[in-house]
Amino acid sequence: MNIYRKSSRKWRGVDFMGLVPEKACAWTPGDEPGQVVVLQPRFRSGLLGRFLQPRLKENKKYLRIPLEERGSCLWGLMDGQLTVGEMAKVFGRDFPEDNEQIPERVATYLYQMAENHLIKFKNLNI
């Protein structure tokens, strides 16, 4: 699968279906049933992350990222045990109308989440 950008060399040769994703951010339930809102720290590193982030008010501390139905399903499956391949199988059962290219779509979605530091892969040695 060619899901990485040319500039991102760290993903070359990685078998996405064998990776085990886990959540790297806090989350909260959304307004709709089953919806997830991921809470990403506004500042993660450097001086701003070290000194400013702890001093921000609670409502300004995090970027609130609401996930749609399919993203919320994948977020719920991330328990640090299931591989991306196993998650794709469960996703295919939950959303049979999306049956075309499910593994590639799931891997692409998780790749984007990892690039945005919302998740990390437990067994990825980079």
Foldseek 3Di string as FASTA:
>chain_A
DPQDDPVDPLCPPDDQQAWAKAFQFDWDADPDPLKIWTWAAPDCDDPCNVPVLVVDDPVNGTDTHIDDNLVSLLNVVRPRPHGLNRSLVVSCVVCVVPVPPSSVVSSNVVVVCVVVVRMDTPPRDD
